[in-house]
Amino acid sequence: AHTELLKKVADRERAPMYVVGEATGDHRFVFARQNKSQSPVDLEVKHLFGSSPKTVLNDVTPSTGYGNVSYDVAKIRDYVRQVLQLESVACKDWLTNKVDRSVTGKVATQQTCGALQLPLNNVSVMAIDFLSHKGIATSIGHAPVAALVNAAAGSRLAIAEALTNLVWAPLTHGLKGVSLSANWMWPAKNEGENARLYQAVEAVSQFA
């Protein structure tokens, strides 16, 4: 049944599709004649792929402490200027307006909205085709500042932000229809960062 469905999809997409064998579960890779009298190729899978090398990462968990925030009222302008330079606060025209955002003609909702094209939409939506009213919604969440203090909490916060953005899209299957993709932009070569990355990934696996 699965082969027939795959054949229909291949024919629809005009893609060549051939059935060359079957998975038997015996962990052998075999080429045999139809009467199975001869097998020019008969290998154990472990000999075909070998033993994949294992990567071992050794790191330390640094102890960090944070004191009270100190500031100078006379430097408020400088503080505001520094805050406005943060990626999460600053203008994102360099990212959102640099390319054509309507490629394929199936872009139903862009990340920008309004006459000024501000990147304020909670979700972006791609239509599945040109006729139906169904599509795929995408939302993004990130919490780099929180992750600097607590890697695990920052990861959970990023997922929570993405989900609260996605609330504005009607989900046919609810949370079961949501798939998560995590992009770890992490300075892993710095001491202690591999340990923090492990904590972040572990928190995501338990949270999501």
N, C-alpha and C. Protein backbone atom coordinates (compact mmCIF):
# COMPACT_ATOMS: atom_id res chain seq x y z
N ALA A 1 0.83 -1.20 0.00
CA ALA A 1 0.00 0.00 0.00
C ALA A 1 0.87 1.25 0.00
N HIS A 2 1.94 1.24 0.79
CA HIS A 2 2.82 2.40 0.85
C HIS A 2 3.55 2.59 -0.49
N THR A 3 3.92 1.48 -1.12
CA THR A 3 4.60 1.57 -2.41
C THR A 3 3.68 2.16 -3.47
N GLU A 4 2.42 1.76 -3.45
CA GLU A 4 1.46 2.29 -4.42
C GLU A 4 1.26 3.79 -4.22
N LEU A 5 1.17 4.22 -2.96
CA LEU A 5 1.01 5.65 -2.69
C LEU A 5 2.23 6.43 -3.15
N LEU A 6 3.42 5.89 -2.87
CA LEU A 6 4.64 6.56 -3.30
C LEU A 6 4.72 6.64 -4.82
N LYS A 7 4.26 5.59 -5.49
CA LYS A 7 4.26 5.58 -6.96
C LYS A 7 3.32 6.66 -7.51
N LYS A 8 2.17 6.84 -6.87
CA LYS A 8 1.23 7.88 -7.30
C LYS A 8 1.84 9.27 -7.14
N VAL A 9 2.52 9.48 -6.01
CA VAL A 9 3.16 10.77 -5.78
C VAL A 9 4.27 11.01 -6.80
N ALA A 10 5.06 9.96 -7.07
CA ALA A 10 6.15 10.08 -8.04
C ALA A 10 5.61 10.39 -9.43
N ASP A 11 4.53 9.74 -9.82
CA ASP A 11 3.93 10.00 -11.13
C ASP A 11 3.39 11.43 -11.21
N ARG A 12 2.78 11.87 -10.12
CA ARG A 12 2.24 13.23 -10.10
C ARG A 12 3.34 14.27 -10.24
N GLU A 13 4.48 14.02 -9.59
CA GLU A 13 5.60 14.95 -9.62
C GLU A 13 6.55 14.69 -10.79
N ARG A 14 6.20 13.71 -11.62
CA ARG A 14 7.04 13.33 -12.77
C ARG A 14 8.47 12.99 -12.32
N ALA A 15 8.56 12.26 -11.24
CA ALA A 15 9.86 11.85 -10.70
C ALA A 15 10.03 10.35 -10.86
N PRO A 16 11.16 9.90 -11.39
CA PRO A 16 11.37 8.45 -11.54
C PRO A 16 11.35 7.75 -10.19
N MET A 17 10.74 6.60 -10.15
CA MET A 17 10.65 5.84 -8.90
C MET A 17 10.74 4.36 -9.23
N TYR A 18 11.64 3.65 -8.56
CA TYR A 18 11.84 2.23 -8.83
C TYR A 18 11.85 1.45 -7.52
N VAL A 19 11.28 0.28 -7.54
CA VAL A 19 11.33 -0.62 -6.39
C VAL A 19 12.50 -1.57 -6.63
N VAL A 20 13.53 -1.46 -5.81
CA VAL A 20 14.75 -2.25 -6.04
C VAL A 20 14.95 -3.33 -4.99
N GLY A 21 14.08 -3.41 -4.01
CA GLY A 21 14.26 -4.44 -3.00
C GLY A 21 13.30 -4.24 -1.84
N GLU A 22 13.58 -4.94 -0.76
CA GLU A 22 12.74 -4.85 0.42
C GLU A 22 13.61 -4.96 1.67
N ALA A 23 13.11 -4.37 2.75
CA ALA A 23 13.81 -4.44 4.04
C ALA A 23 13.32 -5.67 4.79
N THR A 24 14.25 -6.56 5.10
CA THR A 24 13.88 -7.82 5.75
C THR A 24 14.21 -7.85 7.23
N GLY A 25 15.06 -6.93 7.68
CA GLY A 25 15.39 -6.89 9.09
C GLY A 25 16.48 -7.85 9.51
N ASP A 26 17.16 -8.48 8.54
CA ASP A 26 18.21 -9.44 8.91
C ASP A 26 19.60 -8.79 8.95
N HIS A 27 19.64 -7.45 8.77
CA HIS A 27 20.89 -6.70 8.85
C HIS A 27 21.91 -7.15 7.80
N ARG A 28 21.40 -7.49 6.62
CA ARG A 28 22.29 -7.86 5.52
C ARG A 28 21.90 -7.07 4.28
N PHE A 29 22.93 -6.73 3.47
CA PHE A 29 22.72 -6.01 2.22
C PHE A 29 23.02 -7.00 1.09
N VAL A 30 21.97 -7.41 0.37
CA VAL A 30 22.12 -8.52 -0.57
C VAL A 30 21.56 -8.14 -1.94
N PHE A 31 22.36 -8.42 -2.98
CA PHE A 31 21.88 -8.39 -4.36
C PHE A 31 21.77 -9.84 -4.81
N ALA A 32 20.58 -10.26 -5.23
CA ALA A 32 20.38 -11.66 -5.61
C ALA A 32 19.57 -11.74 -6.89
N ARG A 33 19.75 -12.84 -7.61
CA ARG A 33 18.92 -13.09 -8.78
C ARG A 33 17.50 -13.43 -8.33
N GLN A 34 16.57 -13.39 -9.28
CA GLN A 34 15.18 -13.64 -8.92
C GLN A 34 14.99 -15.02 -8.30
N ASN A 35 15.72 -16.01 -8.79
CA ASN A 35 15.58 -17.35 -8.22
C ASN A 35 16.47 -17.55 -6.99
N LYS A 36 17.22 -16.47 -6.61
CA LYS A 36 18.07 -16.46 -5.42
C LYS A 36 19.15 -17.56 -5.45
N SER A 37 19.47 -18.01 -6.65
CA SER A 37 20.51 -19.03 -6.75
C SER A 37 21.90 -18.43 -6.60
N GLN A 38 22.03 -17.15 -6.96
CA GLN A 38 23.32 -16.48 -6.86
C GLN A 38 23.13 -15.12 -6.20
N SER A 39 24.11 -14.74 -5.40
CA SER A 39 24.10 -13.44 -4.72
C SER A 39 25.45 -12.77 -4.93
N PRO A 40 25.58 -11.96 -5.99
CA PRO A 40 26.86 -11.29 -6.25
C PRO A 40 27.31 -10.42 -5.08
N VAL A 41 26.35 -9.85 -4.35
CA VAL A 41 26.67 -9.01 -3.19
C VAL A 41 25.92 -9.54 -1.99
N ASP A 42 26.65 -9.85 -0.93
CA ASP A 42 26.03 -10.33 0.31
C ASP A 42 26.90 -9.87 1.47
N LEU A 43 26.52 -8.74 2.06
CA LEU A 43 27.33 -8.14 3.12
C LEU A 43 26.50 -7.92 4.38
N GLU A 44 27.15 -8.02 5.51
CA GLU A 44 26.50 -7.60 6.74
C GLU A 44 26.53 -6.07 6.81
N VAL A 45 25.45 -5.49 7.29
CA VAL A 45 25.35 -4.03 7.32
C VAL A 45 26.48 -3.41 8.14
N LYS A 46 26.89 -4.07 9.21
CA LYS A 46 27.95 -3.52 10.05
C LYS A 46 29.27 -3.42 9.28
N HIS A 47 29.48 -4.32 8.31
CA HIS A 47 30.69 -4.24 7.50
C HIS A 47 30.57 -3.13 6.45
N LEU A 48 29.34 -2.82 6.06
CA LEU A 48 29.12 -1.80 5.04
C LEU A 48 29.35 -0.40 5.59
N PHE A 49 28.86 -0.16 6.79
CA PHE A 49 28.96 1.18 7.37
C PHE A 49 30.12 1.32 8.35
N GLY A 50 30.62 0.23 8.84
CA GLY A 50 31.73 0.31 9.78
C GLY A 50 31.28 0.84 11.13
N SER A 51 32.23 1.25 11.91
CA SER A 51 31.96 1.77 13.25
C SER A 51 32.13 3.28 13.23
N SER A 52 31.05 4.00 13.42
CA SER A 52 31.11 5.46 13.39
C SER A 52 31.92 5.98 14.57
N PRO A 53 32.81 6.92 14.32
CA PRO A 53 33.62 7.46 15.43
C PRO A 53 32.75 8.24 16.41
N LYS A 54 33.07 8.12 17.67
CA LYS A 54 32.34 8.84 18.71
C LYS A 54 33.09 10.11 19.08
N THR A 55 32.34 11.16 19.26
CA THR A 55 32.92 12.44 19.67
C THR A 55 32.70 12.63 21.17
N VAL A 56 33.77 12.85 21.88
CA VAL A 56 33.70 13.05 23.33
C VAL A 56 34.07 14.50 23.63
N LEU A 57 33.18 15.21 24.29
CA LEU A 57 33.41 16.60 24.65
C LEU A 57 33.58 16.71 26.16
N ASN A 58 34.67 17.27 26.58
CA ASN A 58 34.93 17.51 27.99
C ASN A 58 34.83 19.00 28.28
N ASP A 59 34.08 19.34 29.30
CA ASP A 59 33.89 20.75 29.63
C ASP A 59 33.69 20.89 31.13
N VAL A 60 33.67 22.11 31.58
CA VAL A 60 33.45 22.39 33.00
C VAL A 60 32.22 23.28 33.13
N THR A 61 31.60 23.20 34.28
CA THR A 61 30.45 24.06 34.56
C THR A 61 30.91 25.21 35.45
N PRO A 62 31.06 26.40 34.89
CA PRO A 62 31.57 27.52 35.69
C PRO A 62 30.52 28.00 36.68
N SER A 63 30.98 28.44 37.82
CA SER A 63 30.07 29.02 38.81
C SER A 63 29.99 30.52 38.55
N THR A 64 28.80 31.00 38.34
CA THR A 64 28.61 32.41 38.03
C THR A 64 27.75 33.06 39.11
N GLY A 65 28.08 34.27 39.41
CA GLY A 65 27.30 35.04 40.37
C GLY A 65 27.02 36.42 39.82
N TYR A 66 25.86 36.94 40.11
CA TYR A 66 25.46 38.24 39.58
C TYR A 66 25.12 39.18 40.73
N GLY A 67 25.75 40.34 40.71
CA GLY A 67 25.50 41.33 41.74
C GLY A 67 24.35 42.24 41.37
N ASN A 68 24.07 43.18 42.23
CA ASN A 68 23.01 44.15 41.96
C ASN A 68 23.42 45.07 40.81
N VAL A 69 22.43 45.53 40.08
CA VAL A 69 22.69 46.42 38.95
C VAL A 69 23.12 47.79 39.47
N SER A 70 24.22 48.27 38.93
CA SER A 70 24.70 49.61 39.28
C SER A 70 24.56 50.51 38.06
N TYR A 71 24.12 51.72 38.27
CA TYR A 71 23.93 52.64 37.15
C TYR A 71 24.14 54.07 37.62
N ASP A 72 24.33 54.92 36.63
CA ASP A 72 24.55 56.34 36.87
C ASP A 72 23.46 57.10 36.13
N VAL A 73 22.68 57.85 36.86
CA VAL A 73 21.56 58.58 36.26
C VAL A 73 22.04 59.50 35.15
N ALA A 74 23.24 60.02 35.27
CA ALA A 74 23.76 60.94 34.27
C ALA A 74 24.04 60.24 32.94
N LYS A 75 24.09 58.91 32.95
CA LYS A 75 24.40 58.16 31.73
C LYS A 75 23.18 57.47 31.12
N ILE A 76 21.99 57.93 31.48
CA ILE A 76 20.76 57.30 30.97
C ILE A 76 20.73 57.29 29.45
N ARG A 77 21.14 58.38 28.82
CA ARG A 77 21.14 58.43 27.36
C ARG A 77 22.04 57.33 26.77
N ASP A 78 23.19 57.12 27.39
CA ASP A 78 24.10 56.07 26.90
C ASP A 78 23.47 54.70 27.09
N TYR A 79 22.78 54.49 28.21
CA TYR A 79 22.14 53.20 28.45
C TYR A 79 21.05 52.93 27.42
N VAL A 80 20.25 53.95 27.13
CA VAL A 80 19.18 53.80 26.15
C VAL A 80 19.76 53.49 24.77
N ARG A 81 20.85 54.17 24.42
CA ARG A 81 21.49 53.94 23.13
C ARG A 81 22.00 52.49 23.03
N GLN A 82 22.54 51.98 24.12
CA GLN A 82 23.03 50.59 24.13
C GLN A 82 21.88 49.59 24.00
N VAL A 83 20.77 49.88 24.67
CA VAL A 83 19.61 48.99 24.58
C VAL A 83 19.07 48.96 23.16
N LEU A 84 19.02 50.12 22.51
CA LEU A 84 18.49 50.18 21.15
C LEU A 84 19.40 49.49 20.14
N GLN A 85 20.63 49.17 20.54
CA GLN A 85 21.53 48.45 19.65
C GLN A 85 21.33 46.94 19.71
N LEU A 86 20.57 46.46 20.69
CA LEU A 86 20.33 45.03 20.80
C LEU A 86 19.48 44.55 19.63
N GLU A 87 19.79 43.36 19.14
CA GLU A 87 19.05 42.82 17.99
C GLU A 87 17.57 42.66 18.31
N SER A 88 17.25 42.29 19.54
CA SER A 88 15.85 42.07 19.90
C SER A 88 15.06 43.37 20.03
N VAL A 89 15.76 44.51 20.03
CA VAL A 89 15.10 45.80 20.19
C VAL A 89 15.24 46.66 18.95
N ALA A 90 16.40 46.60 18.31
CA ALA A 90 16.72 47.51 17.21
C ALA A 90 15.88 47.24 15.97
N CYS A 91 15.98 48.15 15.02
CA CYS A 91 15.28 48.01 13.74
C CYS A 91 15.80 46.78 13.00
N LYS A 92 14.88 46.04 12.39
CA LYS A 92 15.25 44.79 11.71
C LYS A 92 15.09 44.90 10.19
N ASP A 93 15.07 46.11 9.67
CA ASP A 93 14.92 46.28 8.23
C ASP A 93 16.01 45.55 7.45
N TRP A 94 17.21 45.50 8.02
CA TRP A 94 18.32 44.83 7.33
C TRP A 94 18.04 43.36 7.11
N LEU A 95 17.14 42.80 7.92
CA LEU A 95 16.83 41.38 7.82
C LEU A 95 15.51 41.13 7.10
N THR A 96 14.50 41.94 7.42
CA THR A 96 13.16 41.67 6.91
C THR A 96 12.90 42.26 5.54
N ASN A 97 13.63 43.28 5.16
CA ASN A 97 13.33 43.97 3.90
C ASN A 97 14.41 43.78 2.84
N LYS A 98 15.30 42.82 3.03
CA LYS A 98 16.42 42.71 2.10
C LYS A 98 16.14 41.80 0.92
N VAL A 99 15.04 41.04 0.97
CA VAL A 99 14.76 40.09 -0.12
C VAL A 99 13.29 40.17 -0.50
N ASP A 100 12.96 39.53 -1.61
CA ASP A 100 11.57 39.43 -2.04
C ASP A 100 10.86 38.43 -1.13
N ARG A 101 9.83 38.88 -0.43
CA ARG A 101 9.15 38.03 0.55
C ARG A 101 7.88 37.40 -0.01
N SER A 102 7.69 37.45 -1.32
CA SER A 102 6.48 36.87 -1.91
C SER A 102 6.81 35.84 -2.99
N VAL A 103 7.96 35.21 -2.90
CA VAL A 103 8.35 34.21 -3.87
C VAL A 103 7.36 33.04 -3.84
N THR A 104 7.02 32.50 -4.98
CA THR A 104 6.09 31.38 -5.22
C THR A 104 4.64 31.86 -5.32
N GLY A 105 4.31 33.03 -4.81
CA GLY A 105 2.93 33.50 -4.87
C GLY A 105 2.03 32.86 -3.85
N LYS A 106 2.57 32.01 -2.99
CA LYS A 106 1.75 31.35 -1.98
C LYS A 106 1.99 31.91 -0.57
N VAL A 107 2.63 33.08 -0.51
CA VAL A 107 2.86 33.73 0.78
C VAL A 107 1.58 34.43 1.19
N ALA A 108 0.87 33.87 2.15
CA ALA A 108 -0.41 34.43 2.58
C ALA A 108 -0.24 35.54 3.60
N THR A 109 0.73 35.40 4.48
CA THR A 109 1.00 36.42 5.51
C THR A 109 2.50 36.57 5.68
N GLN A 110 2.98 37.77 5.46
CA GLN A 110 4.40 38.03 5.66
C GLN A 110 4.67 38.38 7.12
N GLN A 111 5.95 38.51 7.46
CA GLN A 111 6.29 38.90 8.82
C GLN A 111 6.09 40.39 9.05
N THR A 112 5.91 41.14 7.96
CA THR A 112 5.71 42.58 8.08
C THR A 112 4.24 42.92 7.85
N CYS A 113 3.83 44.07 8.36
CA CYS A 113 2.44 44.47 8.19
C CYS A 113 2.33 45.99 8.19
N GLY A 114 1.22 46.47 7.66
CA GLY A 114 0.95 47.90 7.66
C GLY A 114 1.67 48.66 6.56
N ALA A 115 1.34 49.95 6.48
CA ALA A 115 1.92 50.79 5.43
C ALA A 115 3.42 50.93 5.56
N LEU A 116 3.92 50.87 6.79
CA LEU A 116 5.36 51.02 7.02
C LEU A 116 6.10 49.69 6.98
N GLN A 117 5.36 48.59 6.77
CA GLN A 117 5.97 47.26 6.68
C GLN A 117 6.82 46.95 7.91
N LEU A 118 6.24 47.12 9.08
CA LEU A 118 6.94 46.81 10.32
C LEU A 118 6.86 45.31 10.60
N PRO A 119 7.95 44.69 11.02
CA PRO A 119 7.96 43.23 11.27
C PRO A 119 7.30 42.89 12.60
N LEU A 120 5.99 43.04 12.66
CA LEU A 120 5.27 42.87 13.91
C LEU A 120 4.29 41.70 13.89
N ASN A 121 4.15 41.02 12.76
CA ASN A 121 3.21 39.90 12.72
C ASN A 121 3.67 38.77 13.64
N ASN A 122 2.71 38.13 14.29
CA ASN A 122 3.03 37.03 15.19
C ASN A 122 3.46 35.79 14.42
N VAL A 123 2.87 35.58 13.25
CA VAL A 123 3.18 34.39 12.45
C VAL A 123 3.32 34.78 10.99
N SER A 124 4.02 33.95 10.26
CA SER A 124 4.02 34.04 8.80
C SER A 124 3.29 32.80 8.29
N VAL A 125 2.57 32.94 7.19
CA VAL A 125 1.72 31.85 6.70
C VAL A 125 1.99 31.61 5.22
N MET A 126 2.23 30.35 4.89
CA MET A 126 2.37 29.92 3.50
C MET A 126 1.16 29.07 3.12
N ALA A 127 0.51 29.42 2.02
CA ALA A 127 -0.61 28.61 1.54
C ALA A 127 -0.10 27.30 0.96
N ILE A 128 -0.87 26.24 1.13
CA ILE A 128 -0.47 24.94 0.59
C ILE A 128 -0.56 24.93 -0.93
N ASP A 129 -1.61 25.56 -1.46
CA ASP A 129 -1.77 25.64 -2.91
C ASP A 129 -2.50 26.94 -3.24
N PHE A 130 -2.89 27.09 -4.49
CA PHE A 130 -3.50 28.34 -4.94
C PHE A 130 -5.03 28.33 -4.83
N LEU A 131 -5.61 27.21 -4.42
CA LEU A 131 -7.07 27.10 -4.45
C LEU A 131 -7.69 26.95 -3.06
N SER A 132 -7.04 26.24 -2.16
CA SER A 132 -7.64 25.97 -0.86
C SER A 132 -7.38 27.13 0.10
N HIS A 133 -7.96 27.00 1.30
CA HIS A 133 -7.77 28.00 2.34
C HIS A 133 -6.91 27.45 3.48
N LYS A 134 -6.09 26.46 3.19
CA LYS A 134 -5.23 25.86 4.20
C LYS A 134 -3.78 26.29 3.97
N GLY A 135 -3.02 26.30 5.06
CA GLY A 135 -1.63 26.71 4.93
C GLY A 135 -0.80 26.25 6.11
N ILE A 136 0.44 26.71 6.13
CA ILE A 136 1.39 26.36 7.19
C ILE A 136 1.85 27.65 7.85
N ALA A 137 1.66 27.74 9.15
CA ALA A 137 2.06 28.93 9.90
C ALA A 137 3.40 28.69 10.59
N THR A 138 4.22 29.71 10.61
CA THR A 138 5.54 29.63 11.25
C THR A 138 5.70 30.78 12.23
N SER A 139 6.16 30.47 13.42
CA SER A 139 6.45 31.51 14.41
C SER A 139 7.85 31.29 14.97
N ILE A 140 8.40 32.32 15.54
CA ILE A 140 9.77 32.27 16.05
C ILE A 140 9.79 32.77 17.50
N GLY A 141 10.64 32.15 18.29
CA GLY A 141 10.86 32.62 19.66
C GLY A 141 12.34 32.58 19.98
N HIS A 142 12.83 33.58 20.64
CA HIS A 142 14.23 33.55 21.08
C HIS A 142 14.37 34.38 22.35
N ALA A 143 15.28 33.95 23.22
CA ALA A 143 15.48 34.64 24.50
C ALA A 143 16.96 34.64 24.84
N PRO A 144 17.78 35.31 24.03
CA PRO A 144 19.23 35.26 24.26
C PRO A 144 19.66 35.93 25.57
N VAL A 145 18.98 36.99 25.96
CA VAL A 145 19.38 37.69 27.19
C VAL A 145 19.12 36.82 28.41
N ALA A 146 17.95 36.18 28.44
CA ALA A 146 17.64 35.29 29.56
C ALA A 146 18.58 34.09 29.58
N ALA A 147 18.96 33.61 28.39
CA ALA A 147 19.85 32.44 28.31
C ALA A 147 21.25 32.76 28.81
N LEU A 148 21.64 34.02 28.77
CA LEU A 148 22.95 34.39 29.32
C LEU A 148 23.01 34.13 30.82
N VAL A 149 21.89 34.32 31.49
CA VAL A 149 21.83 34.11 32.93
C VAL A 149 21.55 32.66 33.26
N ASN A 150 20.61 32.05 32.52
CA ASN A 150 20.22 30.67 32.78
C ASN A 150 19.91 30.00 31.45
N ALA A 151 20.79 29.12 30.99
CA ALA A 151 20.64 28.52 29.67
C ALA A 151 19.34 27.72 29.56
N ALA A 152 19.01 26.95 30.58
CA ALA A 152 17.80 26.13 30.54
C ALA A 152 16.55 26.99 30.50
N ALA A 153 16.50 28.01 31.35
CA ALA A 153 15.33 28.89 31.39
C ALA A 153 15.18 29.66 30.08
N GLY A 154 16.31 30.09 29.49
CA GLY A 154 16.25 30.80 28.22
C GLY A 154 15.67 29.94 27.11
N SER A 155 16.02 28.65 27.09
CA SER A 155 15.50 27.75 26.07
C SER A 155 14.00 27.55 26.22
N ARG A 156 13.56 27.35 27.46
CA ARG A 156 12.13 27.19 27.70
C ARG A 156 11.36 28.46 27.34
N LEU A 157 11.95 29.60 27.66
CA LEU A 157 11.30 30.88 27.36
C LEU A 157 11.16 31.09 25.86
N ALA A 158 12.17 30.67 25.09
CA ALA A 158 12.12 30.81 23.63
C ALA A 158 10.97 29.98 23.05
N ILE A 159 10.80 28.76 23.56
CA ILE A 159 9.69 27.91 23.08
C ILE A 159 8.35 28.53 23.46
N ALA A 160 8.27 29.03 24.69
CA ALA A 160 7.02 29.66 25.14
C ALA A 160 6.67 30.86 24.27
N GLU A 161 7.67 31.64 23.90
CA GLU A 161 7.43 32.80 23.04
C GLU A 161 6.92 32.37 21.67
N ALA A 162 7.52 31.32 21.11
CA ALA A 162 7.09 30.83 19.80
C ALA A 162 5.65 30.33 19.86
N LEU A 163 5.30 29.64 20.94
CA LEU A 163 3.94 29.11 21.07
C LEU A 163 2.91 30.22 21.26
N THR A 164 3.26 31.24 22.05
CA THR A 164 2.31 32.34 22.24
C THR A 164 2.15 33.15 20.96
N ASN A 165 3.16 33.17 20.11
CA ASN A 165 3.01 33.80 18.79
C ASN A 165 2.12 32.94 17.89
N LEU A 166 2.26 31.63 18.01
CA LEU A 166 1.53 30.71 17.14
C LEU A 166 0.05 30.61 17.51
N VAL A 167 -0.29 31.10 18.70
CA VAL A 167 -1.69 31.05 19.15
C VAL A 167 -2.63 31.71 18.14
N TRP A 168 -2.13 32.70 17.42
CA TRP A 168 -2.98 33.47 16.51
C TRP A 168 -3.24 32.77 15.19
N ALA A 169 -2.74 31.57 15.03
CA ALA A 169 -3.04 30.77 13.84
C ALA A 169 -3.97 29.62 14.24
N PRO A 170 -5.07 29.41 13.52
CA PRO A 170 -5.97 28.29 13.85
C PRO A 170 -5.31 26.96 13.51
N LEU A 171 -5.02 26.16 14.52
CA LEU A 171 -4.32 24.90 14.33
C LEU A 171 -5.33 23.76 14.21
N THR A 172 -5.33 23.09 13.08
CA THR A 172 -6.30 22.03 12.83
C THR A 172 -6.19 20.91 13.86
N HIS A 173 -4.96 20.53 14.20
CA HIS A 173 -4.74 19.40 15.11
C HIS A 173 -4.22 19.86 16.47
N GLY A 174 -4.35 21.12 16.79
CA GLY A 174 -3.88 21.61 18.07
C GLY A 174 -2.37 21.47 18.21
N LEU A 175 -1.90 21.23 19.42
CA LEU A 175 -0.46 21.11 19.66
C LEU A 175 0.15 19.92 18.93
N LYS A 176 -0.66 18.90 18.64
CA LYS A 176 -0.13 17.74 17.92
C LYS A 176 0.31 18.11 16.50
N GLY A 177 -0.21 19.19 15.99
CA GLY A 177 0.16 19.62 14.64
C GLY A 177 1.33 20.58 14.61
N VAL A 178 1.96 20.81 15.77
CA VAL A 178 3.09 21.75 15.85
C VAL A 178 4.39 20.97 15.88
N SER A 179 5.32 21.35 15.05
CA SER A 179 6.66 20.75 15.08
C SER A 179 7.67 21.82 15.48
N LEU A 180 8.63 21.41 16.28
CA LEU A 180 9.62 22.34 16.82
C LEU A 180 10.97 22.14 16.14
N SER A 181 11.58 23.23 15.74
CA SER A 181 12.93 23.18 15.19
C SER A 181 13.79 24.17 15.97
N ALA A 182 14.85 23.66 16.58
CA ALA A 182 15.72 24.51 17.40
C ALA A 182 17.03 24.77 16.67
N ASN A 183 17.43 26.02 16.65
CA ASN A 183 18.69 26.42 16.01
C ASN A 183 19.63 26.92 17.10
N TRP A 184 20.65 26.13 17.39
CA TRP A 184 21.54 26.45 18.51
C TRP A 184 22.71 27.29 18.03
N MET A 185 22.59 28.61 18.15
CA MET A 185 23.70 29.51 17.82
C MET A 185 24.50 29.70 19.11
N TRP A 186 25.50 28.84 19.29
CA TRP A 186 26.16 28.76 20.60
C TRP A 186 27.68 28.83 20.44
N PRO A 187 28.36 29.63 21.25
CA PRO A 187 29.84 29.69 21.19
C PRO A 187 30.47 28.50 21.90
N ALA A 188 30.32 27.32 21.31
CA ALA A 188 30.69 26.08 21.99
C ALA A 188 32.19 25.95 22.27
N LYS A 189 33.02 26.74 21.60
CA LYS A 189 34.46 26.63 21.82
C LYS A 189 34.91 27.38 23.07
N ASN A 190 34.04 28.19 23.63
CA ASN A 190 34.40 28.91 24.86
C ASN A 190 34.22 28.00 26.07
N GLU A 191 35.08 28.15 27.03
CA GLU A 191 35.02 27.29 28.22
C GLU A 191 33.68 27.44 28.94
N GLY A 192 33.10 26.31 29.27
CA GLY A 192 31.84 26.30 29.99
C GLY A 192 30.61 26.34 29.11
N GLU A 193 30.78 26.67 27.82
CA GLU A 193 29.61 26.83 26.96
C GLU A 193 29.03 25.49 26.51
N ASN A 194 29.88 24.47 26.35
CA ASN A 194 29.35 23.15 26.02
C ASN A 194 28.47 22.62 27.15
N ALA A 195 28.88 22.88 28.38
CA ALA A 195 28.08 22.45 29.53
C ALA A 195 26.75 23.20 29.55
N ARG A 196 26.79 24.49 29.26
CA ARG A 196 25.55 25.27 29.22
C ARG A 196 24.66 24.83 28.06
N LEU A 197 25.27 24.49 26.94
CA LEU A 197 24.50 24.00 25.80
C LEU A 197 23.80 22.69 26.14
N TYR A 198 24.50 21.81 26.86
CA TYR A 198 23.90 20.54 27.29
C TYR A 198 22.68 20.82 28.18
N GLN A 199 22.82 21.77 29.09
CA GLN A 199 21.70 22.11 29.97
C GLN A 199 20.52 22.65 29.17
N ALA A 200 20.83 23.47 28.16
CA ALA A 200 19.76 24.05 27.35
C ALA A 200 19.02 22.99 26.55
N VAL A 201 19.77 22.08 25.91
CA VAL A 201 19.14 21.03 25.11
C VAL A 201 18.34 20.08 26.00
N GLU A 202 18.89 19.75 27.16
CA GLU A 202 18.18 18.87 28.09
C GLU A 202 16.87 19.51 28.54
N ALA A 203 16.91 20.81 28.80
CA ALA A 203 15.69 21.51 29.22
C ALA A 203 14.64 21.51 28.12
N VAL A 204 15.07 21.68 26.87
CA VAL A 204 14.14 21.67 25.75
C VAL A 204 13.50 20.29 25.59
N SER A 205 14.31 19.24 25.70
CA SER A 205 13.79 17.88 25.52
C SER A 205 12.77 17.54 26.59
N GLN A 206 12.96 18.05 27.80
CA GLN A 206 12.01 17.78 28.88
C GLN A 206 10.78 18.68 28.80
N PHE A 207 10.97 19.88 28.28
CA PHE A 207 9.88 20.86 28.23
C PHE A 207 8.96 20.63 27.04
N ALA A 208 9.56 20.32 25.89
CA ALA A 208 8.76 20.17 24.67
C ALA A 208 8.32 18.73 24.46
